[in-house]
Amino acid sequence: MQFRTFLKPLAALVALLAGVAHAETTLTVYTALEADQLKAYQAQFESEYPDVKIKWVRDSTGIITAKLLAEKANPQADVVMGVAASSLLVLEKEGMLQGYAPKGVEKLSKGYVDAANPPAWVGMDVWGATVCFNTAEAAKQGLKKPESWRDLLKPEYKGKIVMPNPASSGTGYFDVTAWITLFGEKDGWAYMDKLHDNIAQYTHSGSKPCKQAAAGEFPIGIAFEYRGAKLKESGAPIDLIFPKEGLGWDVEATAIMKGTKNVEAARKLADWSASKSANEQYEKNFAIVAYPGVAKPNNFIPTNYEQLLVKQDLKWSAANRDRILAEWTKRYDGKSEPRK
């Protein structure tokens, strides 16, 4: 009897320790990834790391960046994943990121990984500009298809173009920095002044302008290639235009927040994010991924897409972000859609 009495608490202790050994860690992950990407990425990660669960906090790039900066003194996120490298460079300058070299990081394209050792952020994929052009609506309205950014200044497009607000959207911000890079500071703002005359609305989402164009709300939406390709694939009456002057772009990347209490779990997510397995997930959505040889041709995106990207300095984009957004907001924010 005494032996059985001794065994009961011992068994309870063993069960408790087993539970601790298999306890799950939940990571709070801030992201600007598209909602339809999150489910697949999470399922793949959690199948490989079943002891770590993800709790997403999702919004557009600019809003996520502002939220992280506002929480600097009391960080709420463990990891940032699928956020523009130009935003992560701002966080890095503020000392908010914890450097970490994920397993296999040396296999990734160096141009898409932070140069620091260890890197503060590691790239996942590249997303870049496109113009979604509703051919059905254009035919009704007698509009010709634009071929260049400058074509969008033609009077016939007045009130027929939507684009993302760069203060909210990473897509909008890389459009603005690309125009400044392509045309120069003075002429870049002059270009945007004229484009503003033709803009019907600035959205707070990088994908929304293409969705609006696909739905026929507006004939032209400045967006990014992934959303455009997905909509065209689903049968939307749109053509994707890749303006001949060059395309704005940024890198979606992953970083660990300094101060996280879940360092080991955060590193597991960073390891997965840099893995071939993860890049095979990204490839389903993007023409360019960080892991060489994984990307496959897309019927709606040019095979030379990477060569069409503007020679853009992401560090410059990060360093000048506040100045550029303040100037843009002063000039153009009157046409932004109401914030929810």
C-alpha atoms as a PDB file:
ATOM      1  CA  MET A   1       0.000   0.000   0.000  1.00  0.00           C
ATOM      2  CA  GLN A   2       2.781   2.424   0.968  1.00  0.00           C
ATOM      3  CA  PHE A   3       4.573   1.612  -2.321  1.00  0.00           C
ATOM      4  CA  ARG A   4       1.397   2.397  -4.293  1.00  0.00           C
ATOM      5  CA  THR A   5       0.975   5.635  -2.352  1.00  0.00           C
ATOM      6  CA  PHE A   6       4.531   6.575  -3.340  1.00  0.00           C
ATOM      7  CA  LEU A   7       3.921   5.706  -6.992  1.00  0.00           C
ATOM      8  CA  LYS A   8       0.921   8.025  -7.408  1.00  0.00           C
ATOM      9  CA  PRO A   9       2.766  11.322  -6.828  1.00  0.00           C
ATOM     10  CA  LEU A  10       5.730   9.982  -8.796  1.00  0.00           C
ATOM     11  CA  ALA A  11       3.474   9.232 -11.769  1.00  0.00           C
ATOM     12  CA  ALA A  12       1.911  12.671 -11.470  1.00  0.00           C
ATOM     13  CA  LEU A  13       5.375  14.254 -11.466  1.00  0.00           C
ATOM     14  CA  VAL A  14       6.417  12.284 -14.570  1.00  0.00           C
ATOM     15  CA  ALA A  15       3.219  13.364 -16.341  1.00  0.00           C
ATOM     16  CA  LEU A  16       3.839  16.979 -15.369  1.00  0.00           C
ATOM     17  CA  LEU A  17       7.411  16.891 -16.640  1.00  0.00           C
ATOM     18  CA  ALA A  18       6.253  15.276 -19.886  1.00  0.00           C
ATOM     19  CA  GLY A  19       3.735  18.060 -20.310  1.00  0.00           C
ATOM     20  CA  VAL A  20       6.424  20.675 -19.749  1.00  0.00           C
ATOM     21  CA  ALA A  21       8.689  18.962 -22.255  1.00  0.00           C
ATOM     22  CA  HIS A  22       5.949  19.166 -24.914  1.00  0.00           C
ATOM     23  CA  ALA A  23       4.622  22.591 -23.940  1.00  0.00           C
ATOM     24  CA  GLU A  24       3.837  24.805 -26.884  1.00  0.00           C
ATOM     25  CA  THR A  25       5.247  28.295 -27.270  1.00  0.00           C
ATOM     26  CA  THR A  26       3.044  30.886 -28.931  1.00  0.00           C
ATOM     27  CA  LEU A  27       4.876  33.571 -30.899  1.00  0.00           C
ATOM     28  CA  THR A  28       3.298  36.950 -31.526  1.00  0.00           C
ATOM     29  CA  VAL A  29       4.299  37.734 -35.111  1.00  0.00           C
ATOM     30  CA  TYR A  30       3.687  41.141 -36.689  1.00  0.00           C
ATOM     31  CA  THR A  31       3.244  40.886 -40.444  1.00  0.00           C
ATOM     32  CA  ALA A  32       2.200  42.688 -43.602  1.00  0.00           C
ATOM     33  CA  LEU A  33       1.829  39.427 -45.526  1.00  0.00           C
ATOM     34  CA  GLU A  34      -1.368  39.079 -47.530  1.00  0.00           C
ATOM     35  CA  ALA A  35      -4.128  37.346 -45.594  1.00  0.00           C
ATOM     36  CA  ASP A  36      -4.353  34.514 -48.126  1.00  0.00           C
ATOM     37  CA  GLN A  37      -0.661  33.702 -47.614  1.00  0.00           C
ATOM     38  CA  LEU A  38      -0.712  33.439 -43.832  1.00  0.00           C
ATOM     39  CA  LYS A  39      -2.669  30.193 -43.541  1.00  0.00           C
ATOM     40  CA  ALA A  40      -0.368  28.221 -45.857  1.00  0.00           C
ATOM     41  CA  TYR A  41       2.832  29.575 -44.313  1.00  0.00           C
ATOM     42  CA  GLN A  42       1.619  28.874 -40.793  1.00  0.00           C
ATOM     43  CA  ALA A  43       0.487  25.348 -41.636  1.00  0.00           C
ATOM     44  CA  GLN A  44       3.854  24.473 -43.190  1.00  0.00           C
ATOM     45  CA  PHE A  45       5.867  25.987 -40.329  1.00  0.00           C
ATOM     46  CA  GLU A  46       3.798  24.353 -37.579  1.00  0.00           C
ATOM     47  CA  SER A  47       4.009  20.979 -39.320  1.00  0.00           C
ATOM     48  CA  GLU A  48       7.809  21.214 -39.105  1.00  0.00           C
ATOM     49  CA  TYR A  49       7.935  22.853 -35.654  1.00  0.00           C
ATOM     50  CA  PRO A  50       4.837  21.520 -33.830  1.00  0.00           C
ATOM     51  CA  ASP A  51       5.994  22.951 -30.496  1.00  0.00           C
ATOM     52  CA  VAL A  52       5.652  26.543 -31.760  1.00  0.00           C
ATOM     53  CA  LYS A  53       2.383  28.247 -32.656  1.00  0.00           C
ATOM     54  CA  ILE A  54       1.957  31.578 -34.409  1.00  0.00           C
ATOM     55  CA  LYS A  55      -0.386  34.392 -33.402  1.00  0.00           C
ATOM     56  CA  TRP A  56      -0.468  36.873 -36.294  1.00  0.00           C
ATOM     57  CA  VAL A  57      -0.959  40.615 -35.968  1.00  0.00           C
ATOM     58  CA  ARG A  58      -1.544  41.741 -39.563  1.00  0.00           C
ATOM     59  CA  ASP A  59      -1.815  45.134 -41.222  1.00  0.00           C
ATOM     60  CA  SER A  60      -0.290  47.131 -44.058  1.00  0.00           C
ATOM     61  CA  THR A  61       3.454  47.818 -43.937  1.00  0.00           C
ATOM     62  CA  GLY A  62       3.276  51.446 -42.848  1.00  0.00           C
ATOM     63  CA  ILE A  63       0.776  50.726 -40.106  1.00  0.00           C
ATOM     64  CA  ILE A  64       2.795  47.765 -38.777  1.00  0.00           C
ATOM     65  CA  THR A  65       5.973  49.879 -38.856  1.00  0.00           C
ATOM     66  CA  ALA A  66       4.284  52.704 -36.927  1.00  0.00           C
ATOM     67  CA  LYS A  67       2.876  50.225 -34.402  1.00  0.00           C
ATOM     68  CA  LEU A  68       6.294  48.685 -33.766  1.00  0.00           C
ATOM     69  CA  LEU A  69       7.904  52.100 -33.320  1.00  0.00           C
ATOM     70  CA  ALA A  70       5.133  53.174 -30.932  1.00  0.00           C
ATOM     71  CA  GLU A  71       5.766  50.033 -28.856  1.00  0.00           C
ATOM     72  CA  LYS A  72       9.541  50.504 -28.755  1.00  0.00           C
ATOM     73  CA  ALA A  73       9.656  50.942 -24.968  1.00  0.00           C
ATOM     74  CA  ASN A  74       7.420  47.910 -24.417  1.00  0.00           C
ATOM     75  CA  PRO A  75       7.665  45.539 -27.410  1.00  0.00           C
ATOM     76  CA  GLN A  76       4.656  43.288 -27.967  1.00  0.00           C
ATOM     77  CA  ALA A  77       5.961  41.337 -30.960  1.00  0.00           C
ATOM     78  CA  ASP A  78       8.389  38.414 -30.775  1.00  0.00           C
ATOM     79  CA  VAL A  79       9.089  38.322 -34.507  1.00  0.00           C
ATOM     80  CA  VAL A  80       8.429  40.491 -37.528  1.00  0.00           C
ATOM     81  CA  MET A  81       7.835  38.451 -40.680  1.00  0.00           C
ATOM     82  CA  GLY A  82       6.872  39.541 -44.175  1.00  0.00           C
ATOM     83  CA  VAL A  83       7.563  43.228 -43.589  1.00  0.00           C
ATOM     84  CA  ALA A  84       9.533  45.462 -45.953  1.00  0.00           C
ATOM     85  CA  ALA A  85      13.299  45.478 -45.417  1.00  0.00           C
ATOM     86  CA  SER A  86      13.204  49.284 -45.731  1.00  0.00           C
ATOM     87  CA  SER A  87      10.980  49.307 -42.622  1.00  0.00           C
ATOM     88  CA  LEU A  88      13.168  46.794 -40.788  1.00  0.00           C
ATOM     89  CA  LEU A  89      16.152  49.042 -41.498  1.00  0.00           C
ATOM     90  CA  VAL A  90      14.320  51.789 -39.587  1.00  0.00           C
ATOM     91  CA  LEU A  91      13.802  49.406 -36.662  1.00  0.00           C
ATOM     92  CA  GLU A  92      17.446  48.316 -36.871  1.00  0.00           C
ATOM     93  CA  LYS A  93      18.590  51.939 -36.598  1.00  0.00           C
ATOM     94  CA  GLU A  94      16.401  52.294 -33.498  1.00  0.00           C
ATOM     95  CA  GLY A  95      18.161  49.268 -31.934  1.00  0.00           C
ATOM     96  CA  MET A  96      14.959  47.217 -31.873  1.00  0.00           C
ATOM     97  CA  LEU A  97      16.128  44.071 -33.682  1.00  0.00           C
ATOM     98  CA  GLN A  98      18.102  41.121 -32.339  1.00  0.00           C
ATOM     99  CA  GLY A  99      20.680  39.881 -34.835  1.00  0.00           C
ATOM    100  CA  TYR A 100      20.550  36.205 -35.710  1.00  0.00           C
ATOM    101  CA  ALA A 101      22.010  34.108 -38.526  1.00  0.00           C
ATOM    102  CA  PRO A 102      19.405  31.428 -39.346  1.00  0.00           C
ATOM    103  CA  LYS A 103      20.495  27.925 -40.279  1.00  0.00           C
ATOM    104  CA  GLY A 104      21.391  27.839 -43.965  1.00  0.00           C
ATOM    105  CA  VAL A 105      21.396  31.615 -44.391  1.00  0.00           C
ATOM    106  CA  GLU A 106      24.599  31.316 -46.444  1.00  0.00           C
ATOM    107  CA  LYS A 107      22.567  29.610 -49.181  1.00  0.00           C
ATOM    108  CA  LEU A 108      20.408  32.699 -49.773  1.00  0.00           C
ATOM    109  CA  SER A 109      21.139  35.441 -52.314  1.00  0.00           C
ATOM    110  CA  LYS A 110      23.356  37.932 -50.470  1.00  0.00           C
ATOM    111  CA  GLY A 111      21.534  40.901 -51.948  1.00  0.00           C
ATOM    112  CA  TYR A 112      18.416  39.921 -50.031  1.00  0.00           C
ATOM    113  CA  VAL A 113      20.065  39.502 -46.613  1.00  0.00           C
ATOM    114  CA  ASP A 114      21.217  42.215 -44.208  1.00  0.00           C
ATOM    115  CA  ALA A 115      24.983  42.666 -44.563  1.00  0.00           C
ATOM    116  CA  ALA A 116      25.587  42.840 -40.787  1.00  0.00           C
ATOM    117  CA  ASN A 117      27.079  39.849 -38.967  1.00  0.00           C
ATOM    118  CA  PRO A 118      24.856  38.426 -37.619  1.00  0.00           C
ATOM    119  CA  PRO A 119      22.156  39.827 -39.917  1.00  0.00           C
ATOM    120  CA  ALA A 120      19.420  41.902 -38.290  1.00  0.00           C
ATOM    121  CA  TRP A 121      16.944  40.745 -40.952  1.00  0.00           C
ATOM    122  CA  VAL A 122      16.811  38.035 -43.600  1.00  0.00           C
ATOM    123  CA  GLY A 123      14.904  38.365 -46.866  1.00  0.00           C
ATOM    124  CA  MET A 124      12.123  36.049 -47.977  1.00  0.00           C
ATOM    125  CA  ASP A 125      11.050  37.357 -51.368  1.00  0.00           C
ATOM    126  CA  VAL A 126      10.937  40.454 -53.546  1.00  0.00           C
ATOM    127  CA  TRP A 127       7.700  42.182 -54.442  1.00  0.00           C
ATOM    128  CA  GLY A 128       7.550  44.930 -57.007  1.00  0.00           C
ATOM    129  CA  ALA A 129       5.352  47.320 -58.926  1.00  0.00           C
ATOM    130  CA  THR A 130       2.845  46.659 -61.651  1.00  0.00           C
ATOM    131  CA  VAL A 131      -0.125  48.509 -63.099  1.00  0.00           C
ATOM    132  CA  CYS A 132      -3.425  46.620 -63.297  1.00  0.00           C
ATOM    133  CA  PHE A 133      -5.394  47.735 -66.354  1.00  0.00           C
ATOM    134  CA  ASN A 134      -9.023  46.682 -66.773  1.00  0.00           C
ATOM    135  CA  THR A 135      -9.300  46.038 -70.498  1.00  0.00           C
ATOM    136  CA  ALA A 136     -13.112  45.736 -70.455  1.00  0.00           C
ATOM    137  CA  GLU A 137     -13.624  49.073 -68.690  1.00  0.00           C
ATOM    138  CA  ALA A 138     -10.957  50.711 -70.837  1.00  0.00           C
ATOM    139  CA  ALA A 139     -12.760  49.604 -73.990  1.00  0.00           C
ATOM    140  CA  LYS A 140     -16.039  51.066 -72.704  1.00  0.00           C
ATOM    141  CA  GLN A 141     -14.344  54.357 -71.859  1.00  0.00           C
ATOM    142  CA  GLY A 142     -12.140  54.511 -74.941  1.00  0.00           C
ATOM    143  CA  LEU A 143      -8.894  54.437 -72.961  1.00  0.00           C
ATOM    144  CA  LYS A 144      -5.605  53.332 -74.461  1.00  0.00           C
ATOM    145  CA  LYS A 145      -3.303  51.051 -72.499  1.00  0.00           C
ATOM    146  CA  PRO A 146      -0.439  52.990 -70.830  1.00  0.00           C
ATOM    147  CA  GLU A 147       3.096  51.643 -71.282  1.00  0.00           C
ATOM    148  CA  SER A 148       5.097  53.907 -68.988  1.00  0.00           C
ATOM    149  CA  TRP A 149       4.825  55.855 -65.745  1.00  0.00           C
ATOM    150  CA  ARG A 150       4.743  59.079 -67.764  1.00  0.00           C
ATOM    151  CA  ASP A 151       1.804  57.766 -69.782  1.00  0.00           C
ATOM    152  CA  LEU A 152      -0.242  57.877 -66.576  1.00  0.00           C
ATOM    153  CA  LEU A 153      -0.040  61.696 -66.685  1.00  0.00           C
ATOM    154  CA  LYS A 154      -2.200  61.920 -69.809  1.00  0.00           C
ATOM    155  CA  PRO A 155      -5.417  63.944 -69.339  1.00  0.00           C
ATOM    156  CA  GLU A 156      -7.563  60.998 -70.479  1.00  0.00           C
ATOM    157  CA  TYR A 157      -6.760  59.197 -67.200  1.00  0.00           C
ATOM    158  CA  LYS A 158      -8.021  61.993 -64.930  1.00  0.00           C
ATOM    159  CA  GLY A 159      -9.906  60.468 -61.995  1.00  0.00           C
ATOM    160  CA  LYS A 160      -9.352  56.939 -63.298  1.00  0.00           C
ATOM    161  CA  ILE A 161      -6.255  55.839 -61.320  1.00  0.00           C
ATOM    162  CA  VAL A 162      -5.956  54.478 -57.782  1.00  0.00           C
ATOM    163  CA  MET A 163      -2.709  53.811 -55.932  1.00  0.00           C
ATOM    164  CA  PRO A 164      -1.578  52.999 -52.378  1.00  0.00           C
ATOM    165  CA  ASN A 165      -0.858  55.678 -49.790  1.00  0.00           C
ATOM    166  CA  PRO A 166       2.892  55.336 -49.049  1.00  0.00           C
ATOM    167  CA  ALA A 167       2.413  56.179 -45.378  1.00  0.00           C
ATOM    168  CA  SER A 168       0.243  53.074 -45.011  1.00  0.00           C
ATOM    169  CA  SER A 169       1.550  50.774 -47.719  1.00  0.00           C
ATOM    170  CA  GLY A 170       5.012  49.465 -48.472  1.00  0.00           C
ATOM    171  CA  THR A 171       3.947  49.205 -52.109  1.00  0.00           C
ATOM    172  CA  GLY A 172       3.026  52.870 -52.178  1.00  0.00           C
ATOM    173  CA  TYR A 173       6.308  53.806 -50.539  1.00  0.00           C
ATOM    174  CA  PHE A 174       8.479  51.928 -53.019  1.00  0.00           C
ATOM    175  CA  ASP A 175       6.543  53.576 -55.859  1.00  0.00           C
ATOM    176  CA  VAL A 176       7.385  57.011 -54.485  1.00  0.00           C
ATOM    177  CA  THR A 177      11.066  56.227 -53.853  1.00  0.00           C
ATOM    178  CA  ALA A 178      11.346  54.629 -57.292  1.00  0.00           C
ATOM    179  CA  TRP A 179       9.999  57.763 -58.984  1.00  0.00           C
ATOM    180  CA  ILE A 180      12.472  59.900 -57.037  1.00  0.00           C
ATOM    181  CA  THR A 181      15.259  57.482 -58.016  1.00  0.00           C
ATOM    182  CA  LEU A 182      14.223  57.425 -61.685  1.00  0.00           C
ATOM    183  CA  PHE A 183      13.453  61.106 -62.215  1.00  0.00           C
ATOM    184  CA  GLY A 184      15.524  62.799 -59.499  1.00  0.00           C
ATOM    185  CA  GLU A 185      14.272  64.579 -56.386  1.00  0.00           C
ATOM    186  CA  LYS A 186      12.869  67.717 -58.055  1.00  0.00           C
ATOM    187  CA  ASP A 187      11.406  66.014 -61.123  1.00  0.00           C
ATOM    188  CA  GLY A 188      10.153  63.120 -59.022  1.00  0.00           C
ATOM    189  CA  TRP A 189       7.938  65.421 -56.972  1.00  0.00           C
ATOM    190  CA  ALA A 190       6.908  67.264 -60.142  1.00  0.00           C
ATOM    191  CA  TYR A 191       5.862  63.899 -61.600  1.00  0.00           C
ATOM    192  CA  MET A 192       3.809  63.084 -58.505  1.00  0.00           C
ATOM    193  CA  ASP A 193       2.161  66.524 -58.616  1.00  0.00           C
ATOM    194  CA  LYS A 194       0.896  65.782 -62.136  1.00  0.00           C
ATOM    195  CA  LEU A 195      -0.033  62.188 -61.305  1.00  0.00           C
ATOM    196  CA  HIS A 196      -2.037  63.477 -58.337  1.00  0.00           C
ATOM    197  CA  ASP A 197      -4.308  65.321 -60.773  1.00  0.00           C
ATOM    198  CA  ASN A 198      -5.281  61.952 -62.274  1.00  0.00           C
ATOM    199  CA  ILE A 199      -5.597  60.037 -58.980  1.00  0.00           C
ATOM    200  CA  ALA A 200      -9.128  59.229 -57.815  1.00  0.00           C
ATOM    201  CA  GLN A 201      -8.070  57.804 -54.461  1.00  0.00           C
ATOM    202  CA  TYR A 202      -5.072  56.692 -52.393  1.00  0.00           C
ATOM    203  CA  THR A 203      -5.811  53.408 -50.621  1.00  0.00           C
ATOM    204  CA  HIS A 204      -4.340  52.088 -47.383  1.00  0.00           C
ATOM    205  CA  SER A 205      -3.500  48.725 -48.950  1.00  0.00           C
ATOM    206  CA  GLY A 206      -0.988  47.796 -51.625  1.00  0.00           C
ATOM    207  CA  SER A 207      -3.264  45.169 -53.149  1.00  0.00           C
ATOM    208  CA  LYS A 208      -6.539  47.093 -53.064  1.00  0.00           C
ATOM    209  CA  PRO A 209      -5.921  49.209 -56.219  1.00  0.00           C
ATOM    210  CA  CYS A 210      -5.572  46.058 -58.317  1.00  0.00           C
ATOM    211  CA  LYS A 211      -8.673  44.548 -56.710  1.00  0.00           C
ATOM    212  CA  GLN A 212     -10.562  47.750 -57.531  1.00  0.00           C
ATOM    213  CA  ALA A 213      -9.318  47.643 -61.125  1.00  0.00           C
ATOM    214  CA  ALA A 214     -10.251  43.967 -61.442  1.00  0.00           C
ATOM    215  CA  ALA A 215     -13.760  44.738 -60.150  1.00  0.00           C
ATOM    216  CA  GLY A 216     -14.166  47.586 -62.615  1.00  0.00           C
ATOM    217  CA  GLU A 217     -14.397  50.292 -59.944  1.00  0.00           C
ATOM    218  CA  PHE A 218     -11.521  52.127 -61.631  1.00  0.00           C
ATOM    219  CA  PRO A 219      -9.806  51.174 -64.892  1.00  0.00           C
ATOM    220  CA  ILE A 220      -6.250  51.573 -63.556  1.00  0.00           C
ATOM    221  CA  GLY A 221      -4.731  50.433 -60.261  1.00  0.00           C
ATOM    222  CA  ILE A 222      -1.080  50.835 -59.290  1.00  0.00           C
ATOM    223  CA  ALA A 223      -0.285  47.776 -57.177  1.00  0.00           C
ATOM    224  CA  PHE A 224       2.191  44.895 -57.063  1.00  0.00           C
ATOM    225  CA  GLU A 225       2.783  41.945 -59.311  1.00  0.00           C
ATOM    226  CA  TYR A 226       1.692  39.101 -57.004  1.00  0.00           C
ATOM    227  CA  ARG A 227      -1.837  40.421 -56.496  1.00  0.00           C
ATOM    228  CA  GLY A 228      -2.176  41.308 -60.172  1.00  0.00           C
ATOM    229  CA  ALA A 229      -1.052  37.853 -61.318  1.00  0.00           C
ATOM    230  CA  LYS A 230      -3.417  36.109 -58.884  1.00  0.00           C
ATOM    231  CA  LEU A 231      -6.391  38.177 -60.035  1.00  0.00           C
ATOM    232  CA  LYS A 232      -5.614  37.660 -63.706  1.00  0.00           C
ATOM    233  CA  GLU A 233      -5.172  33.928 -63.082  1.00  0.00           C
ATOM    234  CA  SER A 234      -8.634  33.843 -61.518  1.00  0.00           C
ATOM    235  CA  GLY A 235     -10.124  35.358 -64.691  1.00  0.00           C
ATOM    236  CA  ALA A 236     -10.221  39.087 -63.931  1.00  0.00           C
ATOM    237  CA  PRO A 237     -10.312  41.187 -67.148  1.00  0.00           C
ATOM    238  CA  ILE A 238      -7.002  42.894 -66.463  1.00  0.00           C
ATOM    239  CA  ASP A 239      -3.652  43.203 -68.160  1.00  0.00           C
ATOM    240  CA  LEU A 240      -0.502  43.684 -66.107  1.00  0.00           C
ATOM    241  CA  ILE A 241       1.672  46.570 -67.264  1.00  0.00           C
ATOM    242  CA  PHE A 242       5.314  46.824 -66.238  1.00  0.00           C
ATOM    243  CA  PRO A 243       6.265  50.469 -66.935  1.00  0.00           C
ATOM    244  CA  LYS A 244       9.334  50.647 -69.121  1.00  0.00           C
ATOM    245  CA  GLU A 245      11.216  53.227 -66.991  1.00  0.00           C
ATOM    246  CA  GLY A 246      11.668  50.662 -64.199  1.00  0.00           C
ATOM    247  CA  LEU A 247       9.813  49.209 -61.226  1.00  0.00           C
ATOM    248  CA  GLY A 248       9.860  50.030 -57.537  1.00  0.00           C
ATOM    249  CA  TRP A 249      10.414  47.092 -55.213  1.00  0.00           C
ATOM    250  CA  ASP A 250      11.299  45.977 -51.703  1.00  0.00           C
ATOM    251  CA  VAL A 251      12.233  42.766 -49.891  1.00  0.00           C
ATOM    252  CA  GLU A 252       9.840  41.015 -47.539  1.00  0.00           C
ATOM    253  CA  ALA A 253      11.950  39.917 -44.603  1.00  0.00           C
ATOM    254  CA  THR A 254      11.996  38.303 -41.174  1.00  0.00           C
ATOM    255  CA  ALA A 255      13.587  39.675 -37.999  1.00  0.00           C
ATOM    256  CA  ILE A 256      13.601  38.832 -34.282  1.00  0.00           C
ATOM    257  CA  MET A 257      12.570  41.635 -31.939  1.00  0.00           C
ATOM    258  CA  LYS A 258      14.999  42.570 -29.213  1.00  0.00           C
ATOM    259  CA  GLY A 259      13.551  41.788 -25.804  1.00  0.00           C
ATOM    260  CA  THR A 260      11.458  38.788 -26.833  1.00  0.00           C
ATOM    261  CA  LYS A 261      10.991  36.306 -24.011  1.00  0.00           C
ATOM    262  CA  ASN A 262      10.674  33.491 -26.557  1.00  0.00           C
ATOM    263  CA  VAL A 263      14.128  33.589 -28.121  1.00  0.00           C
ATOM    264  CA  GLU A 264      14.431  29.888 -28.951  1.00  0.00           C
ATOM    265  CA  ALA A 265      11.008  29.712 -30.561  1.00  0.00           C
ATOM    266  CA  ALA A 266      11.701  32.951 -32.435  1.00  0.00           C
ATOM    267  CA  ARG A 267      14.911  31.452 -33.809  1.00  0.00           C
ATOM    268  CA  LYS A 268      13.000  28.401 -34.999  1.00  0.00           C
ATOM    269  CA  LEU A 269      10.692  30.657 -37.015  1.00  0.00           C
ATOM    270  CA  ALA A 270      13.694  32.555 -38.380  1.00  0.00           C
ATOM    271  CA  ASP A 271      15.344  29.239 -39.321  1.00  0.00           C
ATOM    272  CA  TRP A 272      12.214  28.143 -41.130  1.00  0.00           C
ATOM    273  CA  SER A 273      11.802  31.497 -42.852  1.00  0.00           C
ATOM    274  CA  ALA A 274      15.264  31.121 -44.419  1.00  0.00           C
ATOM    275  CA  SER A 275      14.793  27.457 -45.367  1.00  0.00           C
ATOM    276  CA  LYS A 276      14.223  25.983 -48.798  1.00  0.00           C
ATOM    277  CA  SER A 277      10.904  24.633 -47.529  1.00  0.00           C
ATOM    278  CA  ALA A 278       9.703  28.157 -46.715  1.00  0.00           C
ATOM    279  CA  ASN A 279      10.995  29.566 -49.991  1.00  0.00           C
ATOM    280  CA  GLU A 280       8.997  26.911 -51.813  1.00  0.00           C
ATOM    281  CA  GLN A 281       5.945  28.419 -50.135  1.00  0.00           C
ATOM    282  CA  TYR A 282       6.950  31.973 -51.080  1.00  0.00           C
ATOM    283  CA  GLU A 283       7.497  30.858 -54.668  1.00  0.00           C
ATOM    284  CA  LYS A 284       3.791  30.159 -55.005  1.00  0.00           C
ATOM    285  CA  ASN A 285       3.211  33.893 -54.611  1.00  0.00           C
ATOM    286  CA  PHE A 286       6.296  35.690 -55.900  1.00  0.00           C
ATOM    287  CA  ALA A 287       8.470  35.782 -59.004  1.00  0.00           C
ATOM    288  CA  ILE A 288      11.659  36.320 -56.966  1.00  0.00           C
ATOM    289  CA  VAL A 289      12.576  34.507 -53.725  1.00  0.00           C
ATOM    290  CA  ALA A 290      15.717  34.657 -51.625  1.00  0.00           C
ATOM    291  CA  TYR A 291      16.684  31.001 -52.144  1.00  0.00           C
ATOM    292  CA  PRO A 292      18.306  30.665 -55.607  1.00  0.00           C
ATOM    293  CA  GLY A 293      16.820  28.155 -58.011  1.00  0.00           C
ATOM    294  CA  VAL A 294      13.463  27.840 -56.258  1.00  0.00           C
ATOM    295  CA  ALA A 295      11.420  30.400 -58.214  1.00  0.00           C
ATOM    296  CA  LYS A 296       9.453  29.196 -61.231  1.00  0.00           C
ATOM    297  CA  PRO A 297       8.173  31.107 -64.275  1.00  0.00           C
ATOM    298  CA  ASN A 298       4.803  32.819 -63.977  1.00  0.00           C
ATOM    299  CA  ASN A 299       2.663  33.160 -67.099  1.00  0.00           C
ATOM    300  CA  PHE A 300       1.717  36.737 -66.239  1.00  0.00           C
ATOM    301  CA  ILE A 301       5.095  38.083 -65.048  1.00  0.00           C
ATOM    302  CA  PRO A 302       8.020  38.710 -67.437  1.00  0.00           C
ATOM    303  CA  THR A 303      10.892  36.242 -67.198  1.00  0.00           C
ATOM    304  CA  ASN A 304      13.290  39.212 -66.877  1.00  0.00           C
ATOM    305  CA  TYR A 305      11.295  40.738 -64.026  1.00  0.00           C
ATOM    306  CA  GLU A 306      14.331  41.050 -61.754  1.00  0.00           C
ATOM    307  CA  GLN A 307      16.134  43.083 -64.440  1.00  0.00           C
ATOM    308  CA  LEU A 308      13.202  45.522 -64.612  1.00  0.00           C
ATOM    309  CA  LEU A 309      13.611  46.553 -60.972  1.00  0.00           C
ATOM    310  CA  VAL A 310      14.944  50.047 -60.293  1.00  0.00           C
ATOM    311  CA  LYS A 311      18.507  50.240 -58.940  1.00  0.00           C
ATOM    312  CA  GLN A 312      17.174  51.302 -55.582  1.00  0.00           C
ATOM    313  CA  ASP A 313      19.080  51.708 -52.305  1.00  0.00           C
ATOM    314  CA  LEU A 314      16.920  50.341 -49.493  1.00  0.00           C
ATOM    315  CA  LYS A 315      19.116  52.014 -46.867  1.00  0.00           C
ATOM    316  CA  TRP A 316      18.464  55.370 -48.530  1.00  0.00           C
ATOM    317  CA  SER A 317      14.740  54.571 -48.566  1.00  0.00           C
ATOM    318  CA  ALA A 318      14.860  53.839 -44.838  1.00  0.00           C
ATOM    319  CA  ALA A 319      16.979  56.879 -43.939  1.00  0.00           C
ATOM    320  CA  ASN A 320      14.706  59.272 -45.867  1.00  0.00           C
ATOM    321  CA  ARG A 321      11.408  57.664 -44.939  1.00  0.00           C
ATOM    322  CA  ASP A 322      10.154  60.271 -42.451  1.00  0.00           C
ATOM    323  CA  ARG A 323      11.096  63.187 -44.717  1.00  0.00           C
ATOM    324  CA  ILE A 324       9.517  61.686 -47.833  1.00  0.00           C
ATOM    325  CA  LEU A 325       6.304  60.647 -46.093  1.00  0.00           C
ATOM    326  CA  ALA A 326       5.898  64.059 -44.447  1.00  0.00           C
ATOM    327  CA  GLU A 327       6.260  65.782 -47.829  1.00  0.00           C
ATOM    328  CA  TRP A 328       3.937  63.317 -49.566  1.00  0.00           C
ATOM    329  CA  THR A 329       1.277  63.669 -46.858  1.00  0.00           C
ATOM    330  CA  LYS A 330       1.414  67.470 -47.012  1.00  0.00           C
ATOM    331  CA  ARG A 331       0.915  67.451 -50.784  1.00  0.00           C
ATOM    332  CA  TYR A 332      -1.475  64.608 -51.496  1.00  0.00           C
ATOM    333  CA  ASP A 333      -3.193  63.161 -48.431  1.00  0.00           C
ATOM    334  CA  GLY A 334      -6.449  64.953 -49.234  1.00  0.00           C
ATOM    335  CA  LYS A 335      -7.348  62.187 -51.691  1.00  0.00           C
ATOM    336  CA  SER A 336      -6.653  59.302 -49.275  1.00  0.00           C
ATOM    337  CA  GLU A 337      -9.532  56.970 -48.470  1.00  0.00           C
ATOM    338  CA  PRO A 338     -10.874  57.336 -44.908  1.00  0.00           C
ATOM    339  CA  ARG A 339      -9.033  55.221 -42.350  1.00  0.00           C
ATOM    340  CA  LYS A 340     -11.075  52.465 -40.713  1.00  0.00           C
END
